[in-house]
């Protein structure tokens, strides 16, 4: 579970997030919608520990981010553009990332790439990937270690219709496995199909629960 209590973020005199309170549970997909600059991405960064809130707290399964630990654990993340070494292949990039925690072996990496619609043996360097291929690779790195939580900022960005269908099916399957998934998207169809609960972010406030 992720519990966000009275979270505020002020940067250089600008109120970015105001009095955010959310309870997010496993086995559900939550959606954040809002205009550019509304605070969606900054809220995700606060949850992950990439940005420290001015006040309030983010509690993940009893651990307070920024107090008990610097960064959220057991979580797959895509925020803004996924970064990869451009002259390596997709599989080699994932292999290098997997060596940090050693939770994903070669077999798991290959299976995850295939699940996301990528060819593991493709020698093409990432710099020559299309935007959609790069996005699929970003999703693969987020899920390859089987995390309990996924935090995904615009996961469908750059995907064609086939890619969108593949990733929607993937995320719904992960929800059925009991994952907690938080998604920000500008695409209302993605939100309607995927999300059990949707929140609108406007001027840093989680103003309104659209549906439950």
Foldseek 3Di string as FASTA:
>chain_A
DKWWAQFWAADPNATQAGGDTDDFFWLFEEEEEEDPSLNPLVVLCCLFLVDPTPDTFIADPNATDPPNHRGDPLFFEDGDFDDFDQQFQLLVRLVVVCVVPVQADSVLLCVLCVLQPHHNPDGHGNNPDFPQSSLSSSVSSRPSNPGQEYEYEASCPRPDPVSLVSVLVVLNVSSVVTHTYYYYHNDVVSCVSGGPWYFYRGNNYSPDTPHD
